[in-house]
Structure formats: structure tokens, C-alpha cells
Amino acid sequence: MHVVLLLAAIAILWFGLYSINAYFNCRDAANKNPYKWEDLPEVPALKMLFNILSLPFYGFILLEKALGWIMERQWDKLDENAREYSRKQEYFRHKNNVKTIKPWKK
């Protein structure tokens, strides 16, 4: 729960700073075309702050991908173990159901 709240706070802060940066870019470039984003000046401190705040998101995405890959491998191993167990169970079930001929018992 705390992690979700922390990520939400970071997201709100990130989008808030992004909108502040966009405001300053548009205000400073009033005499230029504000829709041409390549020409807009950037505030270096805010850009650095965006990059720093973006790192947890990238890290979270990479962590999610890595955990997904690990869990997929674990599920594959579990499936293989379950198949092996089923094969052994079927073998012993068949072995125990086969009537063996015991000539000494009549």
C-alpha cells in the first residue's frame, strides 16, 4: 500500500513539474511558434529533476519484466514437475492394476 502511494505521489509530482516546465517553455517562447516543441527553451534544473524522477518508473518497469521472466520460468518448471508426477502416477496406477499370474495360488 505504501509503495502504491509513493508511486502515486511521484507520478503527481512528475506531471506537475512537467506542466510547470511546459508553462515556462511556452511563456519564454511567446514570440516563437509555441507548438513547435523543438524550438522551445528548456529549464535545465527541471529537466534534470524529470530525469531523476523518471528513474524509479524505468526501474519499476525493468523489475516487473525481470520478475515476469523469472515467474514464467518457475511456472515452466512447475508444469514439468507436474507432468513428471502425473506420468509416474499413471505408471504406478497401471502397474498396480495389472493382474499378475501367480501359478502357486489357485
PDB file of N, CA and C in Angstrom:
ATOM      1  N   MET A   1       0.828  -1.194   0.000  1.00  0.00           N
ATOM      2  CA  MET A   1       0.000   0.000   0.000  1.00  0.00           C
ATOM      3  C   MET A   1       0.873   1.259   0.000  1.00  0.00           C
ATOM      4  N   HIS A   2       1.942   1.220   0.828  1.00  0.00           N
ATOM      5  CA  HIS A   2       2.823   2.389   0.891  1.00  0.00           C
ATOM      6  C   HIS A   2       3.547   2.595  -0.432  1.00  0.00           C
ATOM      7  N   VAL A   3       3.886   1.492  -1.097  1.00  0.00           N
ATOM      8  CA  VAL A   3       4.576   1.614  -2.386  1.00  0.00           C
ATOM      9  C   VAL A   3       3.661   2.255  -3.415  1.00  0.00           C
ATOM     10  N   VAL A   4       2.396   1.873  -3.401  1.00  0.00           N
ATOM     11  CA  VAL A   4       1.437   2.455  -4.352  1.00  0.00           C
ATOM     12  C   VAL A   4       1.268   3.948  -4.092  1.00  0.00           C
ATOM     13  N   LEU A   5       1.159   4.319  -2.833  1.00  0.00           N
ATOM     14  CA  LEU A   5       1.033   5.740  -2.509  1.00  0.00           C
ATOM     15  C   LEU A   5       2.286   6.511  -2.903  1.00  0.00           C
ATOM     16  N   LEU A   6       3.456   5.913  -2.685  1.00  0.00           N
ATOM     17  CA  LEU A   6       4.708   6.569  -3.067  1.00  0.00           C
ATOM     18  C   LEU A   6       4.771   6.751  -4.580  1.00  0.00           C
ATOM     19  N   LEU A   7       4.404   5.719  -5.329  1.00  0.00           N
ATOM     20  CA  LEU A   7       4.420   5.838  -6.790  1.00  0.00           C
ATOM     21  C   LEU A   7       3.402   6.871  -7.273  1.00  0.00           C
ATOM     22  N   ALA A   8       2.239   6.931  -6.623  1.00  0.00           N
ATOM     23  CA  ALA A   8       1.240   7.933  -6.999  1.00  0.00           C
ATOM     24  C   ALA A   8       1.759   9.343  -6.721  1.00  0.00           C
ATOM     25  N   ALA A   9       2.418   9.522  -5.574  1.00  0.00           N
ATOM     26  CA  ALA A   9       2.964  10.844  -5.249  1.00  0.00           C
ATOM     27  C   ALA A   9       4.047  11.241  -6.244  1.00  0.00           C
ATOM     28  N   ILE A  10       4.892  10.288  -6.614  1.00  0.00           N
ATOM     29  CA  ILE A  10       5.949  10.587  -7.599  1.00  0.00           C
ATOM     30  C   ILE A  10       5.321  10.940  -8.940  1.00  0.00           C
ATOM     31  N   ALA A  11       4.268  10.205  -9.335  1.00  0.00           N
ATOM     32  CA  ALA A  11       3.613  10.481 -10.622  1.00  0.00           C
ATOM     33  C   ALA A  11       2.982  11.869 -10.617  1.00  0.00           C
ATOM     34  N   ILE A  12       2.309  12.220  -9.530  1.00  0.00           N
ATOM     35  CA  ILE A  12       1.687  13.550  -9.442  1.00  0.00           C
ATOM     36  C   ILE A  12       2.751  14.643  -9.487  1.00  0.00           C
ATOM     37  N   LEU A  13       3.828  14.447  -8.752  1.00  0.00           N
ATOM     38  CA  LEU A  13       4.919  15.422  -8.764  1.00  0.00           C
ATOM     39  C   LEU A  13       5.536  15.537 -10.147  1.00  0.00           C
ATOM     40  N   TRP A  14       5.746  14.383 -10.801  1.00  0.00           N
ATOM     41  CA  TRP A  14       6.354  14.381 -12.125  1.00  0.00           C
ATOM     42  C   TRP A  14       5.484  15.134 -13.122  1.00  0.00           C
ATOM     43  N   PHE A  15       4.179  14.839 -13.136  1.00  0.00           N
ATOM     44  CA  PHE A  15       3.294  15.528 -14.079  1.00  0.00           C
ATOM     45  C   PHE A  15       3.134  17.002 -13.730  1.00  0.00           C
ATOM     46  N   GLY A  16       3.151  17.323 -12.443  1.00  0.00           N
ATOM     47  CA  GLY A  16       3.082  18.723 -12.045  1.00  0.00           C
ATOM     48  C   GLY A  16       4.293  19.508 -12.523  1.00  0.00           C
ATOM     49  N   LEU A  17       5.471  18.931 -12.319  1.00  0.00           N
ATOM     50  CA  LEU A  17       6.686  19.604 -12.790  1.00  0.00           C
ATOM     51  C   LEU A  17       6.735  19.676 -14.305  1.00  0.00           C
ATOM     52  N   TYR A  18       6.221  18.661 -14.959  1.00  0.00           N
ATOM     53  CA  TYR A  18       6.175  18.678 -16.415  1.00  0.00           C
ATOM     54  C   TYR A  18       5.301  19.823 -16.910  1.00  0.00           C
ATOM     55  N   SER A  19       4.163  20.024 -16.256  1.00  0.00           N
ATOM     56  CA  SER A  19       3.282  21.113 -16.690  1.00  0.00           C
ATOM     57  C   SER A  19       3.902  22.480 -16.382  1.00  0.00           C
ATOM     58  N   ILE A  20       4.635  22.580 -15.260  1.00  0.00           N
ATOM     59  CA  ILE A  20       5.330  23.841 -14.947  1.00  0.00           C
ATOM     60  C   ILE A  20       6.382  24.137 -16.011  1.00  0.00           C
ATOM     61  N   ASN A  21       7.132  23.096 -16.394  1.00  0.00           N
ATOM     62  CA  ASN A  21       8.153  23.274 -17.422  1.00  0.00           C
ATOM     63  C   ASN A  21       7.514  23.678 -18.746  1.00  0.00           C
ATOM     64  N   ALA A  22       6.393  23.054 -19.090  1.00  0.00           N
ATOM     65  CA  ALA A  22       5.699  23.412 -20.332  1.00  0.00           C
ATOM     66  C   ALA A  22       5.209  24.862 -20.278  1.00  0.00           C
ATOM     67  N   TYR A  23       4.729  25.296 -19.104  1.00  0.00           N
ATOM     68  CA  TYR A  23       4.279  26.682 -18.958  1.00  0.00           C
ATOM     69  C   TYR A  23       5.432  27.653 -19.194  1.00  0.00           C
ATOM     70  N   PHE A  24       6.583  27.385 -18.546  1.00  0.00           N
ATOM     71  CA  PHE A  24       7.727  28.274 -18.724  1.00  0.00           C
ATOM     72  C   PHE A  24       8.224  28.244 -20.160  1.00  0.00           C
ATOM     73  N   ASN A  25       8.200  27.089 -20.799  1.00  0.00           N
ATOM     74  CA  ASN A  25       8.634  26.997 -22.187  1.00  0.00           C
ATOM     75  C   ASN A  25       7.741  27.833 -23.084  1.00  0.00           C
ATOM     76  N   CYS A  26       6.432  27.736 -22.886  1.00  0.00           N
ATOM     77  CA  CYS A  26       5.506  28.489 -23.726  1.00  0.00           C
ATOM     78  C   CYS A  26       5.601  29.986 -23.449  1.00  0.00           C
ATOM     79  N   ARG A  27       5.796  30.364 -22.183  1.00  0.00           N
ATOM     80  CA  ARG A  27       5.876  31.769 -21.834  1.00  0.00           C
ATOM     81  C   ARG A  27       7.144  32.396 -22.405  1.00  0.00           C
ATOM     82  N   ASP A  28       8.264  31.626 -22.311  1.00  0.00           N
ATOM     83  CA  ASP A  28       9.530  32.169 -22.803  1.00  0.00           C
ATOM     84  C   ASP A  28       9.580  32.207 -24.321  1.00  0.00           C
ATOM     85  N   ALA A  29       8.801  31.366 -24.964  1.00  0.00           N
ATOM     86  CA  ALA A  29       8.820  31.307 -26.420  1.00  0.00           C
ATOM     87  C   ALA A  29       7.566  31.944 -27.015  1.00  0.00           C
ATOM     88  N   ALA A  30       7.078  32.994 -26.368  1.00  0.00           N
ATOM     89  CA  ALA A  30       5.824  33.610 -26.825  1.00  0.00           C
ATOM     90  C   ALA A  30       5.970  34.200 -28.213  1.00  0.00           C
ATOM     91  N   ASN A  31       7.168  34.698 -28.549  1.00  0.00           N
ATOM     92  CA  ASN A  31       7.336  35.295 -29.871  1.00  0.00           C
ATOM     93  C   ASN A  31       7.609  34.239 -30.934  1.00  0.00           C
ATOM     94  N   LYS A  32       7.861  32.990 -30.511  1.00  0.00           N
ATOM     95  CA  LYS A  32       8.050  31.901 -31.481  1.00  0.00           C
ATOM     96  C   LYS A  32       6.749  31.114 -31.597  1.00  0.00           C
ATOM     97  N   ASN A  33       6.800  30.092 -32.387  1.00  0.00           N
ATOM     98  CA  ASN A  33       5.636  29.212 -32.517  1.00  0.00           C
ATOM     99  C   ASN A  33       5.630  28.249 -31.318  1.00  0.00           C
ATOM    100  N   PRO A  34       4.676  28.393 -30.377  1.00  0.00           N
ATOM    101  CA  PRO A  34       4.702  27.547 -29.170  1.00  0.00           C
ATOM    102  C   PRO A  34       4.366  26.083 -29.449  1.00  0.00           C
ATOM    103  N   TYR A  35       3.873  25.797 -30.654  1.00  0.00           N
ATOM    104  CA  TYR A  35       3.521  24.414 -30.960  1.00  0.00           C
ATOM    105  C   TYR A  35       4.691  23.647 -31.544  1.00  0.00           C
ATOM    106  N   LYS A  36       5.780  24.326 -31.808  1.00  0.00           N
ATOM    107  CA  LYS A  36       6.958  23.657 -32.337  1.00  0.00           C
ATOM    108  C   LYS A  36       7.892  23.384 -31.169  1.00  0.00           C
ATOM    109  N   TRP A  37       7.805  22.185 -30.607  1.00  0.00           N
ATOM    110  CA  TRP A  37       8.478  21.881 -29.355  1.00  0.00           C
ATOM    111  C   TRP A  37       9.994  21.862 -29.486  1.00  0.00           C
ATOM    112  N   GLU A  38      10.508  21.673 -30.703  1.00  0.00           N
ATOM    113  CA  GLU A  38      11.970  21.644 -30.863  1.00  0.00           C
ATOM    114  C   GLU A  38      12.583  23.010 -30.595  1.00  0.00           C
ATOM    115  N   ASP A  39      11.821  24.073 -30.848  1.00  0.00           N
ATOM    116  CA  ASP A  39      12.347  25.430 -30.682  1.00  0.00           C
ATOM    117  C   ASP A  39      12.209  25.953 -29.257  1.00  0.00           C
ATOM    118  N   LEU A  40      11.481  25.249 -28.410  1.00  0.00           N
ATOM    119  CA  LEU A  40      11.223  25.775 -27.072  1.00  0.00           C
ATOM    120  C   LEU A  40      12.456  25.623 -26.187  1.00  0.00           C
ATOM    121  N   PRO A  41      12.770  26.651 -25.414  1.00  0.00           N
ATOM    122  CA  PRO A  41      13.887  26.521 -24.478  1.00  0.00           C
ATOM    123  C   PRO A  41      13.499  25.620 -23.316  1.00  0.00           C
ATOM    124  N   GLU A  42      14.478  24.969 -22.723  1.00  0.00           N
ATOM    125  CA  GLU A  42      14.206  24.085 -21.605  1.00  0.00           C
ATOM    126  C   GLU A  42      14.831  24.649 -20.338  1.00  0.00           C
ATOM    127  N   VAL A  43      14.207  24.367 -19.219  1.00  0.00           N
ATOM    128  CA  VAL A  43      14.744  24.757 -17.923  1.00  0.00           C
ATOM    129  C   VAL A  43      15.630  23.598 -17.461  1.00  0.00           C
ATOM    130  N   PRO A  44      16.968  23.774 -17.401  1.00  0.00           N
ATOM    131  CA  PRO A  44      17.857  22.642 -17.134  1.00  0.00           C
ATOM    132  C   PRO A  44      17.606  21.966 -15.787  1.00  0.00           C
ATOM    133  N   ALA A  45      17.292  22.760 -14.765  1.00  0.00           N
ATOM    134  CA  ALA A  45      17.086  22.160 -13.442  1.00  0.00           C
ATOM    135  C   ALA A  45      15.849  21.263 -13.457  1.00  0.00           C
ATOM    136  N   LEU A  46      14.777  21.736 -14.109  1.00  0.00           N
ATOM    137  CA  LEU A  46      13.569  20.919 -14.172  1.00  0.00           C
ATOM    138  C   LEU A  46      13.779  19.681 -15.031  1.00  0.00           C
ATOM    139  N   LYS A  47      14.569  19.830 -16.107  1.00  0.00           N
ATOM    140  CA  LYS A  47      14.843  18.668 -16.948  1.00  0.00           C
ATOM    141  C   LYS A  47      15.622  17.622 -16.159  1.00  0.00           C
ATOM    142  N   MET A  48      16.605  18.071 -15.380  1.00  0.00           N
ATOM    143  CA  MET A  48      17.371  17.141 -14.560  1.00  0.00           C
ATOM    144  C   MET A  48      16.459  16.483 -13.517  1.00  0.00           C
ATOM    145  N   LEU A  49      15.558  17.264 -12.947  1.00  0.00           N
ATOM    146  CA  LEU A  49      14.623  16.711 -11.968  1.00  0.00           C
ATOM    147  C   LEU A  49      13.685  15.689 -12.607  1.00  0.00           C
ATOM    148  N   PHE A  50      13.237  15.956 -13.845  1.00  0.00           N
ATOM    149  CA  PHE A  50      12.409  14.966 -14.555  1.00  0.00           C
ATOM    150  C   PHE A  50      13.169  13.677 -14.739  1.00  0.00           C
ATOM    151  N   ASN A  51      14.429  13.792 -15.154  1.00  0.00           N
ATOM    152  CA  ASN A  51      15.227  12.588 -15.382  1.00  0.00           C
ATOM    153  C   ASN A  51      15.406  11.794 -14.095  1.00  0.00           C
ATOM    154  N   ILE A  52      15.644  12.484 -12.996  1.00  0.00           N
ATOM    155  CA  ILE A  52      15.822  11.796 -11.715  1.00  0.00           C
ATOM    156  C   ILE A  52      14.519  11.137 -11.282  1.00  0.00           C
ATOM    157  N   LEU A  53      13.398  11.848 -11.458  1.00  0.00           N
ATOM    158  CA  LEU A  53      12.117  11.284 -11.057  1.00  0.00           C
ATOM    159  C   LEU A  53      11.650  10.176 -11.995  1.00  0.00           C
ATOM    160  N   SER A  54      12.182  10.136 -13.204  1.00  0.00           N
ATOM    161  CA  SER A  54      11.796   9.081 -14.146  1.00  0.00           C
ATOM    162  C   SER A  54      12.491   7.766 -13.838  1.00  0.00           C
ATOM    163  N   LEU A  55      13.627   7.830 -13.162  1.00  0.00           N
ATOM    164  CA  LEU A  55      14.381   6.602 -12.894  1.00  0.00           C
ATOM    165  C   LEU A  55      13.580   5.549 -12.145  1.00  0.00           C
ATOM    166  N   PRO A  56      12.828   5.894 -11.081  1.00  0.00           N
ATOM    167  CA  PRO A  56      12.047   4.838 -10.415  1.00  0.00           C
ATOM    168  C   PRO A  56      11.038   4.162 -11.343  1.00  0.00           C
ATOM    169  N   PHE A  57      10.446   4.928 -12.270  1.00  0.00           N
ATOM    170  CA  PHE A  57       9.494   4.321 -13.194  1.00  0.00           C
ATOM    171  C   PHE A  57      10.191   3.327 -14.113  1.00  0.00           C
ATOM    172  N   TYR A  58      11.356   3.735 -14.654  1.00  0.00           N
ATOM    173  CA  TYR A  58      12.091   2.811 -15.515  1.00  0.00           C
ATOM    174  C   TYR A  58      12.553   1.597 -14.723  1.00  0.00           C
ATOM    175  N   GLY A  59      13.016   1.836 -13.504  1.00  0.00           N
ATOM    176  CA  GLY A  59      13.443   0.723 -12.652  1.00  0.00           C
ATOM    177  C   GLY A  59      12.288  -0.212 -12.346  1.00  0.00           C
ATOM    178  N   PHE A  60      11.113   0.359 -12.092  1.00  0.00           N
ATOM    179  CA  PHE A  60       9.937  -0.463 -11.806  1.00  0.00           C
ATOM    180  C   PHE A  60       9.556  -1.304 -13.017  1.00  0.00           C
ATOM    181  N   ILE A  61       9.632  -0.704 -14.203  1.00  0.00           N
ATOM    182  CA  ILE A  61       9.288  -1.446 -15.421  1.00  0.00           C
ATOM    183  C   ILE A  61      10.279  -2.583 -15.630  1.00  0.00           C
ATOM    184  N   LEU A  62      11.585  -2.295 -15.458  1.00  0.00           N
ATOM    185  CA  LEU A  62      12.590  -3.346 -15.619  1.00  0.00           C
ATOM    186  C   LEU A  62      12.411  -4.441 -14.580  1.00  0.00           C
ATOM    187  N   LEU A  63      12.116  -4.053 -13.347  1.00  0.00           N
ATOM    188  CA  LEU A  63      11.897  -5.042 -12.294  1.00  0.00           C
ATOM    189  C   LEU A  63      10.686  -5.914 -12.614  1.00  0.00           C
ATOM    190  N   GLU A  64       9.631  -5.285 -13.114  1.00  0.00           N
ATOM    191  CA  GLU A  64       8.433  -6.035 -13.473  1.00  0.00           C
ATOM    192  C   GLU A  64       8.736  -7.035 -14.593  1.00  0.00           C
ATOM    193  N   LYS A  65       9.512  -6.597 -15.602  1.00  0.00           N
ATOM    194  CA  LYS A  65       9.870  -7.501 -16.699  1.00  0.00           C
ATOM    195  C   LYS A  65      10.708  -8.668 -16.183  1.00  0.00           C
ATOM    196  N   ALA A  66      11.686  -8.362 -15.315  1.00  0.00           N
ATOM    197  CA  ALA A  66      12.557  -9.413 -14.781  1.00  0.00           C
ATOM    198  C   ALA A  66      11.762 -10.401 -13.938  1.00  0.00           C
ATOM    199  N   LEU A  67      10.895  -9.892 -13.078  1.00  0.00           N
ATOM    200  CA  LEU A  67      10.082 -10.789 -12.251  1.00  0.00           C
ATOM    201  C   LEU A  67       9.129 -11.620 -13.104  1.00  0.00           C
ATOM    202  N   GLY A  68       8.586 -11.035 -14.138  1.00  0.00           N
ATOM    203  CA  GLY A  68       7.719 -11.786 -15.050  1.00  0.00           C
ATOM    204  C   GLY A  68       8.473 -12.918 -15.725  1.00  0.00           C
ATOM    205  N   TRP A  69       9.707 -12.635 -16.157  1.00  0.00           N
ATOM    206  CA  TRP A  69      10.521 -13.662 -16.798  1.00  0.00           C
ATOM    207  C   TRP A  69      10.859 -14.778 -15.809  1.00  0.00           C
ATOM    208  N   ILE A  70      11.226 -14.399 -14.587  1.00  0.00           N
ATOM    209  CA  ILE A  70      11.558 -15.400 -13.560  1.00  0.00           C
ATOM    210  C   ILE A  70      10.333 -16.241 -13.224  1.00  0.00           C
ATOM    211  N   MET A  71       9.195 -15.594 -13.045  1.00  0.00           N
ATOM    212  CA  MET A  71       7.980 -16.344 -12.704  1.00  0.00           C
ATOM    213  C   MET A  71       7.559 -17.260 -13.851  1.00  0.00           C
ATOM    214  N   GLU A  72       7.755 -16.817 -15.084  1.00  0.00           N
ATOM    215  CA  GLU A  72       7.424 -17.667 -16.223  1.00  0.00           C
ATOM    216  C   GLU A  72       8.300 -18.926 -16.222  1.00  0.00           C
ATOM    217  N   ARG A  73       9.576 -18.753 -15.917  1.00  0.00           N
ATOM    218  CA  ARG A  73      10.461 -19.925 -15.841  1.00  0.00           C
ATOM    219  C   ARG A  73      10.055 -20.844 -14.700  1.00  0.00           C
ATOM    220  N   GLN A  74       9.675 -20.248 -13.560  1.00  0.00           N
ATOM    221  CA  GLN A  74       9.258 -21.076 -12.431  1.00  0.00           C
ATOM    222  C   GLN A  74       7.987 -21.860 -12.769  1.00  0.00           C
ATOM    223  N   TRP A  75       7.039 -21.211 -13.464  1.00  0.00           N
ATOM    224  CA  TRP A  75       5.819 -21.915 -13.854  1.00  0.00           C
ATOM    225  C   TRP A  75       6.142 -23.044 -14.815  1.00  0.00           C
ATOM    226  N   ASP A  76       7.107 -22.817 -15.725  1.00  0.00           N
ATOM    227  CA  ASP A  76       7.510 -23.885 -16.631  1.00  0.00           C
ATOM    228  C   ASP A  76       8.071 -25.070 -15.859  1.00  0.00           C
ATOM    229  N   LYS A  77       8.897 -24.787 -14.858  1.00  0.00           N
ATOM    230  CA  LYS A  77       9.449 -25.869 -14.036  1.00  0.00           C
ATOM    231  C   LYS A  77       8.350 -26.594 -13.277  1.00  0.00           C
ATOM    232  N   LEU A  78       7.397 -25.843 -12.720  1.00  0.00           N
ATOM    233  CA  LEU A  78       6.284 -26.467 -12.012  1.00  0.00           C
ATOM    234  C   LEU A  78       5.453 -27.343 -12.946  1.00  0.00           C
ATOM    235  N   ASP A  79       5.228 -26.854 -14.176  1.00  0.00           N
ATOM    236  CA  ASP A  79       4.476 -27.651 -15.145  1.00  0.00           C
ATOM    237  C   ASP A  79       5.214 -28.946 -15.469  1.00  0.00           C
ATOM    238  N   GLU A  80       6.522 -28.836 -15.663  1.00  0.00           N
ATOM    239  CA  GLU A  80       7.316 -30.029 -15.969  1.00  0.00           C
ATOM    240  C   GLU A  80       7.278 -31.022 -14.800  1.00  0.00           C
ATOM    241  N   ASN A  81       7.395 -30.506 -13.575  1.00  0.00           N
ATOM    242  CA  ASN A  81       7.328 -31.375 -12.401  1.00  0.00           C
ATOM    243  C   ASN A  81       5.956 -32.030 -12.285  1.00  0.00           C
ATOM    244  N   ALA A  82       4.908 -31.269 -12.584  1.00  0.00           N
ATOM    245  CA  ALA A  82       3.559 -31.830 -12.506  1.00  0.00           C
ATOM    246  C   ALA A  82       3.368 -32.912 -13.570  1.00  0.00           C
ATOM    247  N   ARG A  83       3.896 -32.684 -14.781  1.00  0.00           N
ATOM    248  CA  ARG A  83       3.792 -33.693 -15.828  1.00  0.00           C
ATOM    249  C   ARG A  83       4.548 -34.960 -15.440  1.00  0.00           C
ATOM    250  N   GLU A  84       5.745 -34.784 -14.883  1.00  0.00           N
ATOM    251  CA  GLU A  84       6.539 -35.936 -14.457  1.00  0.00           C
ATOM    252  C   GLU A  84       5.812 -36.715 -13.354  1.00  0.00           C
ATOM    253  N   TYR A  85       5.235 -35.981 -12.416  1.00  0.00           N
ATOM    254  CA  TYR A  85       4.493 -36.618 -11.326  1.00  0.00           C
ATOM    255  C   TYR A  85       3.298 -37.390 -11.884  1.00  0.00           C
ATOM    256  N   SER A  86       2.591 -36.798 -12.858  1.00  0.00           N
ATOM    257  CA  SER A  86       1.440 -37.468 -13.465  1.00  0.00           C
ATOM    258  C   SER A  86       1.868 -38.728 -14.196  1.00  0.00           C
ATOM    259  N   ARG A  87       3.001 -38.661 -14.906  1.00  0.00           N
ATOM    260  CA  ARG A  87       3.493 -39.846 -15.605  1.00  0.00           C
ATOM    261  C   ARG A  87       3.796 -40.967 -14.620  1.00  0.00           C
ATOM    262  N   LYS A  88       4.478 -40.617 -13.521  1.00  0.00           N
ATOM    263  CA  LYS A  88       4.811 -41.633 -12.509  1.00  0.00           C
ATOM    264  C   LYS A  88       3.537 -42.195 -11.885  1.00  0.00           C
ATOM    265  N   GLN A  89       2.589 -41.321 -11.602  1.00  0.00           N
ATOM    266  CA  GLN A  89       1.332 -41.773 -11.003  1.00  0.00           C
ATOM    267  C   GLN A  89       0.607 -42.731 -11.946  1.00  0.00           C
ATOM    268  N   GLU A  90       0.569 -42.363 -13.215  1.00  0.00           N
ATOM    269  CA  GLU A  90      -0.099 -43.214 -14.203  1.00  0.00           C
ATOM    270  C   GLU A  90       0.616 -44.557 -14.328  1.00  0.00           C
ATOM    271  N   TYR A  91       1.942 -44.531 -14.298  1.00  0.00           N
ATOM    272  CA  TYR A  91       2.719 -45.769 -14.403  1.00  0.00           C
ATOM    273  C   TYR A  91       2.401 -46.699 -13.234  1.00  0.00           C
ATOM    274  N   PHE A  92       2.426 -46.137 -12.011  1.00  0.00           N
ATOM    275  CA  PHE A  92       2.168 -46.994 -10.856  1.00  0.00           C
ATOM    276  C   PHE A  92       0.702 -47.428 -10.787  1.00  0.00           C
ATOM    277  N   ARG A  93      -0.212 -46.582 -11.231  1.00  0.00           N
ATOM    278  CA  ARG A  93      -1.612 -46.965 -11.251  1.00  0.00           C
ATOM    279  C   ARG A  93      -1.812 -48.147 -12.202  1.00  0.00           C
ATOM    280  N   HIS A  94      -1.164 -48.045 -13.372  1.00  0.00           N
ATOM    281  CA  HIS A  94      -1.261 -49.129 -14.337  1.00  0.00           C
ATOM    282  C   HIS A  94      -0.592 -50.396 -13.792  1.00  0.00           C
ATOM    283  N   LYS A  95       0.574 -50.216 -13.175  1.00  0.00           N
ATOM    284  CA  LYS A  95       1.325 -51.360 -12.646  1.00  0.00           C
ATOM    285  C   LYS A  95       0.529 -52.079 -11.553  1.00  0.00           C
ATOM    286  N   ASN A  96      -0.150 -51.342 -10.702  1.00  0.00           N
ATOM    287  CA  ASN A  96      -0.905 -51.952  -9.612  1.00  0.00           C
ATOM    288  C   ASN A  96      -2.210 -52.590 -10.102  1.00  0.00           C
ATOM    289  N   ASN A  97      -2.733 -52.127 -11.246  1.00  0.00           N
ATOM    290  CA  ASN A  97      -3.988 -52.676 -11.751  1.00  0.00           C
ATOM    291  C   ASN A  97      -3.790 -53.921 -12.604  1.00  0.00           C
ATOM    292  N   VAL A  98      -2.563 -54.146 -13.066  1.00  0.00           N
ATOM    293  CA  VAL A  98      -2.308 -55.309 -13.913  1.00  0.00           C
ATOM    294  C   VAL A  98      -2.406 -56.572 -13.056  1.00  0.00           C
ATOM    295  N   LYS A  99      -3.184 -57.505 -13.556  1.00  0.00           N
ATOM    296  CA  LYS A  99      -3.306 -58.789 -12.846  1.00  0.00           C
ATOM    297  C   LYS A  99      -2.091 -59.653 -13.197  1.00  0.00           C
ATOM    298  N   THR A 100      -1.349 -59.992 -12.194  1.00  0.00           N
ATOM    299  CA  THR A 100      -0.188 -60.846 -12.444  1.00  0.00           C
ATOM    300  C   THR A 100      -0.589 -62.301 -12.230  1.00  0.00           C
ATOM    301  N   ILE A 101      -0.040 -63.160 -13.037  1.00  0.00           N
ATOM    302  CA  ILE A 101      -0.343 -64.584 -12.938  1.00  0.00           C
ATOM    303  C   ILE A 101       0.553 -65.182 -11.853  1.00  0.00           C
ATOM    304  N   LYS A 102      -0.084 -65.732 -10.865  1.00  0.00           N
ATOM    305  CA  LYS A 102       0.668 -66.366  -9.785  1.00  0.00           C
ATOM    306  C   LYS A 102       0.287 -67.855  -9.776  1.00  0.00           C
ATOM    307  N   PRO A 103       1.102 -68.658 -10.401  1.00  0.00           N
ATOM    308  CA  PRO A 103       0.716 -70.069 -10.547  1.00  0.00           C
ATOM    309  C   PRO A 103       0.667 -70.829  -9.223  1.00  0.00           C
ATOM    310  N   TRP A 104       1.367 -70.332  -8.224  1.00  0.00           N
ATOM    311  CA  TRP A 104       1.347 -71.056  -6.949  1.00  0.00           C
ATOM    312  C   TRP A 104       0.071 -70.810  -6.165  1.00  0.00           C
ATOM    313  N   LYS A 105      -0.718 -69.826  -6.602  1.00  0.00           N
ATOM    314  CA  LYS A 105      -2.003 -69.572  -5.942  1.00  0.00           C
ATOM    315  C   LYS A 105      -3.108 -69.986  -6.900  1.00  0.00           C
ATOM    316  N   LYS A 106      -3.914 -70.923  -6.486  1.00  0.00           N
ATOM    317  CA  LYS A 106      -5.017 -71.367  -7.345  1.00  0.00           C
ATOM    318  C   LYS A 106      -6.341 -71.279  -6.651  1.00  0.00           C
TER     319      LYS A 106
END
